Amino acid sequence: MGYRVQVIALHEEVLAEKEIVENIRVHRIKLSTRNWSKSLPVQLIKYNELALRIFSQYTGFDIIHCHDLAPLPIAIALKLLSGRKIKVVYDAHEFETEVNELKGIRKKS
């Protein structure tokens, strides 16, 4: 037995939108706003498009694993809006502020 695992990610031009890799379904979401400006207001529109696409297309999960900070609010919203006891796992492998070149917490050398 076990879990049915699906990976949901953003689509990149060189990759298929849907494929199965080692018995794991991979769904890459192609945003209509992908090539728009990278300004903050437009980035928020892109994020909202991603959230709406996930909310409308993906349901019934027992566990949501977030590898980065960016999808964490979407995962928490899915948990709260579902009314189910979905577990959310956030597993960062570095400080997000360092990855995204933001000021804030810095790793000491």
Protein backbone atom coordinates (compact mmCIF):
# COMPACT_ATOMS: atom_id res chain seq x y z
CA MET A 1 0.00 0.00 0.00
CA GLY A 2 1.20 3.55 0.42
CA TYR A 3 0.42 6.95 -0.95
CA ARG A 4 -0.34 8.05 -4.49
CA VAL A 5 2.25 10.75 -5.10
CA GLN A 6 1.86 13.68 -7.49
CA VAL A 7 4.28 16.51 -8.12
CA ILE A 8 2.80 19.89 -9.01
CA ALA A 9 5.24 22.48 -10.33
CA LEU A 10 5.51 25.43 -12.67
CA HIS A 11 5.93 24.59 -16.33
CA GLU A 12 9.22 25.29 -18.08
CA GLU A 13 9.29 25.41 -21.89
CA VAL A 14 11.72 22.50 -22.28
CA LEU A 15 9.65 20.12 -20.13
CA ALA A 16 6.37 18.30 -20.72
CA GLU A 17 3.28 19.64 -18.99
CA LYS A 18 2.37 16.14 -17.81
CA GLU A 19 4.50 13.04 -17.52
CA ILE A 20 5.15 10.05 -15.29
CA VAL A 21 8.64 9.81 -13.81
CA GLU A 22 9.45 6.64 -11.86
CA ASN A 23 5.72 5.97 -11.27
CA ILE A 24 5.13 9.53 -10.00
CA ARG A 25 2.73 11.80 -11.86
CA VAL A 26 4.30 15.17 -12.60
CA HIS A 27 1.97 18.06 -13.48
CA ARG A 28 3.61 21.30 -14.56
CA ILE A 29 1.22 24.24 -14.56
CA LYS A 30 1.55 26.51 -17.59
CA LEU A 31 0.65 30.03 -16.49
CA SER A 32 -0.89 32.36 -19.06
CA THR A 33 0.89 35.19 -17.22
CA ARG A 34 4.32 33.50 -17.34
CA ASN A 35 5.94 35.94 -19.79
CA TRP A 36 4.52 39.08 -18.21
CA SER A 37 6.71 41.62 -16.42
CA LYS A 38 8.67 40.65 -13.33
CA SER A 39 7.51 43.73 -11.39
CA LEU A 40 6.07 43.02 -7.93
CA PRO A 41 2.41 43.79 -8.78
CA VAL A 42 2.58 41.51 -11.82
CA GLN A 43 4.33 38.79 -9.80
CA LEU A 44 1.36 38.89 -7.40
CA ILE A 45 -1.01 38.40 -10.34
CA LYS A 46 1.06 35.40 -11.47
CA TYR A 47 1.01 33.96 -7.93
CA ASN A 48 -2.77 34.37 -7.78
CA GLU A 49 -3.14 32.60 -11.13
CA LEU A 50 -1.04 29.72 -9.80
CA ALA A 51 -3.11 29.53 -6.61
CA LEU A 52 -6.42 29.55 -8.51
CA ARG A 53 -5.22 26.86 -10.91
CA ILE A 54 -4.13 24.65 -8.00
CA PHE A 55 -7.39 25.24 -6.07
CA SER A 56 -9.52 24.39 -9.11
CA GLN A 57 -7.58 21.40 -10.45
CA TYR A 58 -6.06 19.58 -7.50
CA THR A 59 -8.07 18.25 -4.57
CA GLY A 60 -8.21 15.22 -2.31
CA PHE A 61 -4.70 15.33 -0.94
CA ASP A 62 -3.82 13.94 2.49
CA ILE A 63 -0.35 15.49 2.64
CA ILE A 64 1.11 18.51 0.86
CA HIS A 65 4.89 18.85 0.82
CA CYS A 66 6.35 22.28 0.03
CA HIS A 67 10.00 22.33 -0.93
CA ASP A 68 10.12 26.14 -1.11
CA LEU A 69 8.60 28.99 0.84
CA ALA A 70 6.62 30.43 -2.10
CA PRO A 71 3.97 27.65 -2.34
CA LEU A 72 3.54 27.39 1.44
CA PRO A 73 0.68 29.95 1.67
CA ILE A 74 -1.12 28.10 -1.14
CA ALA A 75 -0.73 24.80 0.73
CA ILE A 76 -2.03 26.32 3.96
CA ALA A 77 -5.00 27.85 2.13
CA LEU A 78 -5.77 24.46 0.54
CA LYS A 79 -5.69 22.87 3.98
CA LEU A 80 -7.98 25.50 5.52
CA LEU A 81 -10.43 25.68 2.62
CA SER A 82 -10.72 21.91 2.23
CA GLY A 83 -12.19 21.35 5.68
CA ARG A 84 -10.09 18.18 5.83
CA LYS A 85 -7.17 17.27 8.06
CA ILE A 86 -4.52 17.76 5.40
CA LYS A 87 -0.98 17.71 6.71
CA VAL A 88 1.35 20.40 5.35
CA VAL A 89 5.08 19.69 5.39
CA TYR A 90 7.55 22.49 4.71
CA ASP A 91 11.07 21.23 4.08
CA ALA A 92 13.46 24.06 3.24
CA HIS A 93 17.04 23.17 2.48
CA GLU A 94 18.42 26.67 2.86
CA PHE A 95 17.37 30.05 4.14
CA GLU A 96 14.88 31.42 1.62
CA THR A 97 16.18 34.94 2.16
CA GLU A 98 19.58 33.84 0.88
CA VAL A 99 18.17 32.05 -2.13
CA ASN A 100 15.99 34.98 -3.12
CA GLU A 101 18.67 37.55 -2.22
CA LEU A 102 16.42 39.23 0.32
CA LYS A 103 17.59 41.06 3.40
CA GLY A 104 16.82 39.39 6.69
CA ILE A 105 18.05 36.18 8.24
CA ARG A 106 21.54 35.35 7.07
CA LYS A 107 23.47 32.16 7.59
CA LYS A 108 26.56 32.75 9.72
CA SER A 109 29.81 31.66 8.14
